[in-house]
Amino acid sequence: MGFPTAFVSSPLTSKPLIRLTLTELQVAGFTLTAATLYLTATLHKRNRLTQSAALHQSNLILQNLVEPLPPVLPTRPYAKLSFVESAKDQWNEEVEGLVRRVQETNWRGVGEEAVDGVLGLVKRFRGGEGS
């Protein structure tokens, strides 16, 4: 019977409990081989990606050591050159403030307040006529 039949044979008789055909054994062998190959390829791919990321990081560090990035120049404070420039800057600040105020205004609330005010005036006007 052989070695594999010891795992599938009855202890009382030498007849196997499970009979596998040659095709079934081939399918099982193919499945085992395919699973092993898939897991090996996946592990190899993950290792390769990890090593690639580590090499890119090391390359970047070495480049920064050899050729460091240029330092950021400090910005100079803005100096106003003349009265005209000062007036332009003041005008621009006023326009920016007005634009910001228009953008931040709740126009729906303004509309509701206007409607309430007009309705109040109409009620007063009608109330004044009746007396």
C-alpha atoms as a PDB file:
ATOM      1  CA  MET A   1       0.000   0.000   0.000  1.00  0.00           C
ATOM      2  CA  GLY A   2       2.741   2.462   0.780  1.00  0.00           C
ATOM      3  CA  PHE A   3       3.358   5.502   2.945  1.00  0.00           C
ATOM      4  CA  PRO A   4       0.352   7.692   2.005  1.00  0.00           C
ATOM      5  CA  THR A   5      -2.155   4.932   2.651  1.00  0.00           C
ATOM      6  CA  ALA A   6      -1.141   4.769   6.322  1.00  0.00           C
ATOM      7  CA  PHE A   7      -2.938   8.070   6.855  1.00  0.00           C
ATOM      8  CA  VAL A   8      -6.144   7.026   5.145  1.00  0.00           C
ATOM      9  CA  SER A   9      -6.430   3.307   5.936  1.00  0.00           C
ATOM     10  CA  SER A  10      -8.375   1.576   8.673  1.00  0.00           C
ATOM     11  CA  PRO A  11      -6.259   0.117  11.487  1.00  0.00           C
ATOM     12  CA  LEU A  12      -8.224  -3.157  11.411  1.00  0.00           C
ATOM     13  CA  THR A  13      -8.028  -3.730   7.700  1.00  0.00           C
ATOM     14  CA  SER A  14      -5.505  -2.692   5.176  1.00  0.00           C
ATOM     15  CA  LYS A  15      -8.210  -1.211   2.953  1.00  0.00           C
ATOM     16  CA  PRO A  16      -8.059   2.553   2.549  1.00  0.00           C
ATOM     17  CA  LEU A  17     -10.936   4.604   4.028  1.00  0.00           C
ATOM     18  CA  ILE A  18     -10.781   7.204   1.280  1.00  0.00           C
ATOM     19  CA  ARG A  19      -9.981   6.346  -2.268  1.00  0.00           C
ATOM     20  CA  LEU A  20      -8.470   9.180  -4.265  1.00  0.00           C
ATOM     21  CA  THR A  21      -8.108   8.907  -7.972  1.00  0.00           C
ATOM     22  CA  LEU A  22      -5.071  10.066  -9.835  1.00  0.00           C
ATOM     23  CA  THR A  23      -6.920  13.158 -11.114  1.00  0.00           C
ATOM     24  CA  GLU A  24      -7.954  14.187  -7.611  1.00  0.00           C
ATOM     25  CA  LEU A  25      -4.371  13.854  -6.413  1.00  0.00           C
ATOM     26  CA  GLN A  26      -3.190  15.936  -9.348  1.00  0.00           C
ATOM     27  CA  VAL A  27      -5.729  18.679  -8.551  1.00  0.00           C
ATOM     28  CA  ALA A  28      -4.702  18.668  -4.892  1.00  0.00           C
ATOM     29  CA  GLY A  29      -1.040  18.833  -5.869  1.00  0.00           C
ATOM     30  CA  PHE A  30      -1.695  21.662  -8.313  1.00  0.00           C
ATOM     31  CA  THR A  31      -3.652  23.605  -5.656  1.00  0.00           C
ATOM     32  CA  LEU A  32      -0.864  23.193  -3.115  1.00  0.00           C
ATOM     33  CA  THR A  33       1.780  24.229  -5.654  1.00  0.00           C
ATOM     34  CA  ALA A  34      -0.251  27.234  -6.869  1.00  0.00           C
ATOM     35  CA  ALA A  35      -0.881  28.426  -3.304  1.00  0.00           C
ATOM     36  CA  THR A  36       2.804  28.120  -2.454  1.00  0.00           C
ATOM     37  CA  LEU A  37       3.829  30.019  -5.586  1.00  0.00           C
ATOM     38  CA  TYR A  38       1.244  32.752  -4.936  1.00  0.00           C
ATOM     39  CA  LEU A  39       2.343  33.254  -1.333  1.00  0.00           C
ATOM     40  CA  THR A  40       5.997  33.297  -2.355  1.00  0.00           C
ATOM     41  CA  ALA A  41       5.389  35.862  -5.110  1.00  0.00           C
ATOM     42  CA  THR A  42       3.317  38.058  -2.785  1.00  0.00           C
ATOM     43  CA  LEU A  43       6.000  37.957  -0.087  1.00  0.00           C
ATOM     44  CA  HIS A  44       8.679  38.775  -2.659  1.00  0.00           C
ATOM     45  CA  LYS A  45       6.636  41.725  -3.988  1.00  0.00           C
ATOM     46  CA  ARG A  46       6.077  43.167  -0.488  1.00  0.00           C
ATOM     47  CA  ASN A  47       9.776  42.823   0.356  1.00  0.00           C
ATOM     48  CA  ARG A  48      10.697  44.490  -2.924  1.00  0.00           C
ATOM     49  CA  LEU A  49       8.354  47.439  -2.261  1.00  0.00           C
ATOM     50  CA  THR A  50       9.695  47.865   1.277  1.00  0.00           C
ATOM     51  CA  GLN A  51      13.289  47.815   0.057  1.00  0.00           C
ATOM     52  CA  SER A  52      12.423  50.270  -2.726  1.00  0.00           C
ATOM     53  CA  ALA A  53      10.911  52.735  -0.243  1.00  0.00           C
ATOM     54  CA  ALA A  54      13.947  52.403   2.020  1.00  0.00           C
ATOM     55  CA  LEU A  55      16.320  53.022  -0.915  1.00  0.00           C
ATOM     56  CA  HIS A  56      14.360  56.090  -2.036  1.00  0.00           C
ATOM     57  CA  GLN A  57      14.458  57.493   1.478  1.00  0.00           C
ATOM     58  CA  SER A  58      18.203  56.853   1.796  1.00  0.00           C
ATOM     59  CA  ASN A  59      18.788  58.432  -1.615  1.00  0.00           C
ATOM     60  CA  LEU A  60      16.892  61.563  -0.568  1.00  0.00           C
ATOM     61  CA  ILE A  61      18.850  61.818   2.691  1.00  0.00           C
ATOM     62  CA  LEU A  62      22.175  61.456   0.891  1.00  0.00           C
ATOM     63  CA  GLN A  63      21.208  64.046  -1.725  1.00  0.00           C
ATOM     64  CA  ASN A  64      20.306  66.509   0.998  1.00  0.00           C
ATOM     65  CA  LEU A  65      23.658  65.904   2.681  1.00  0.00           C
ATOM     66  CA  VAL A  66      25.661  66.422  -0.512  1.00  0.00           C
ATOM     67  CA  GLU A  67      23.530  69.143  -2.079  1.00  0.00           C
ATOM     68  CA  PRO A  68      21.527  70.782   0.697  1.00  0.00           C
ATOM     69  CA  LEU A  69      18.438  72.748  -0.147  1.00  0.00           C
ATOM     70  CA  PRO A  70      19.056  76.477  -0.478  1.00  0.00           C
ATOM     71  CA  PRO A  71      18.259  78.369   2.710  1.00  0.00           C
ATOM     72  CA  VAL A  72      15.105  80.428   2.790  1.00  0.00           C
ATOM     73  CA  LEU A  73      15.969  84.096   2.590  1.00  0.00           C
ATOM     74  CA  PRO A  74      14.435  86.209   5.317  1.00  0.00           C
ATOM     75  CA  THR A  75      11.765  88.537   4.044  1.00  0.00           C
ATOM     76  CA  ARG A  76      12.395  92.213   4.417  1.00  0.00           C
ATOM     77  CA  PRO A  77       9.777  94.420   5.952  1.00  0.00           C
ATOM     78  CA  TYR A  78       7.860  96.366   3.347  1.00  0.00           C
ATOM     79  CA  ALA A  79       9.057  99.961   3.208  1.00  0.00           C
ATOM     80  CA  LYS A  80       6.679 102.638   1.942  1.00  0.00           C
ATOM     81  CA  LEU A  81       8.455 104.766  -0.606  1.00  0.00           C
ATOM     82  CA  SER A  82       6.357 107.889  -0.868  1.00  0.00           C
ATOM     83  CA  PHE A  83       3.135 109.606   0.112  1.00  0.00           C
ATOM     84  CA  VAL A  84       1.439 108.301  -3.042  1.00  0.00           C
ATOM     85  CA  GLU A  85       2.430 104.714  -2.226  1.00  0.00           C
ATOM     86  CA  SER A  86       1.207 105.193   1.339  1.00  0.00           C
ATOM     87  CA  ALA A  87      -2.144 106.487   0.068  1.00  0.00           C
ATOM     88  CA  LYS A  88      -2.448 103.522  -2.330  1.00  0.00           C
ATOM     89  CA  ASP A  89      -1.749 101.074   0.485  1.00  0.00           C
ATOM     90  CA  GLN A  90      -4.327 102.733   2.735  1.00  0.00           C
ATOM     91  CA  TRP A  91      -6.895 102.681  -0.102  1.00  0.00           C
ATOM     92  CA  ASN A  92      -6.207  98.971  -0.746  1.00  0.00           C
ATOM     93  CA  GLU A  93      -6.613  98.146   2.951  1.00  0.00           C
ATOM     94  CA  GLU A  94      -9.981  99.949   3.006  1.00  0.00           C
ATOM     95  CA  VAL A  95     -11.170  98.095  -0.123  1.00  0.00           C
ATOM     96  CA  GLU A  96     -10.019  94.746   1.328  1.00  0.00           C
ATOM     97  CA  GLY A  97     -11.897  95.482   4.543  1.00  0.00           C
ATOM     98  CA  LEU A  98     -15.103  96.363   2.673  1.00  0.00           C
ATOM     99  CA  VAL A  99     -14.870  93.261   0.477  1.00  0.00           C
ATOM    100  CA  ARG A 100     -14.271  91.066   3.531  1.00  0.00           C
ATOM    101  CA  ARG A 101     -17.283  92.653   5.264  1.00  0.00           C
ATOM    102  CA  VAL A 102     -19.505  92.039   2.207  1.00  0.00           C
ATOM    103  CA  GLN A 103     -18.347  88.422   2.002  1.00  0.00           C
ATOM    104  CA  GLU A 104     -18.948  87.764   5.699  1.00  0.00           C
ATOM    105  CA  THR A 105     -22.411  89.388   5.775  1.00  0.00           C
ATOM    106  CA  ASN A 106     -25.408  87.124   6.294  1.00  0.00           C
ATOM    107  CA  TRP A 107     -27.522  88.442   3.442  1.00  0.00           C
ATOM    108  CA  ARG A 108     -30.482  86.246   4.303  1.00  0.00           C
ATOM    109  CA  GLY A 109     -30.638  87.817   7.773  1.00  0.00           C
ATOM    110  CA  VAL A 110     -30.322  91.308   6.286  1.00  0.00           C
ATOM    111  CA  GLY A 111     -33.207  90.555   3.899  1.00  0.00           C
ATOM    112  CA  GLU A 112     -35.391  89.236   6.722  1.00  0.00           C
ATOM    113  CA  GLU A 113     -34.682  92.350   8.809  1.00  0.00           C
ATOM    114  CA  ALA A 114     -35.558  94.581   5.850  1.00  0.00           C
ATOM    115  CA  VAL A 115     -38.843  92.762   5.269  1.00  0.00           C
ATOM    116  CA  ASP A 116     -39.697  93.006   8.976  1.00  0.00           C
ATOM    117  CA  GLY A 117     -38.913  96.740   8.926  1.00  0.00           C
ATOM    118  CA  VAL A 118     -41.083  97.385   5.876  1.00  0.00           C
ATOM    119  CA  LEU A 119     -43.945  95.351   7.364  1.00  0.00           C
ATOM    120  CA  GLY A 120     -43.631  97.369  10.588  1.00  0.00           C
ATOM    121  CA  LEU A 121     -43.830 100.629   8.649  1.00  0.00           C
ATOM    122  CA  VAL A 122     -46.875  99.403   6.715  1.00  0.00           C
ATOM    123  CA  LYS A 123     -48.619  98.428   9.953  1.00  0.00           C
ATOM    124  CA  ARG A 124     -47.866 101.835  11.467  1.00  0.00           C
ATOM    125  CA  PHE A 125     -49.086 103.614   8.343  1.00  0.00           C
ATOM    126  CA  ARG A 126     -52.324 101.626   8.208  1.00  0.00           C
ATOM    127  CA  GLY A 127     -52.792 101.988  11.942  1.00  0.00           C
ATOM    128  CA  GLY A 128     -52.325 105.791  11.681  1.00  0.00           C
ATOM    129  CA  GLU A 129     -54.957 106.116   8.917  1.00  0.00           C
ATOM    130  CA  GLY A 130     -57.655 104.254  10.833  1.00  0.00           C
ATOM    131  CA  SER A 131     -57.550 106.554  13.896  1.00  0.00           C
END
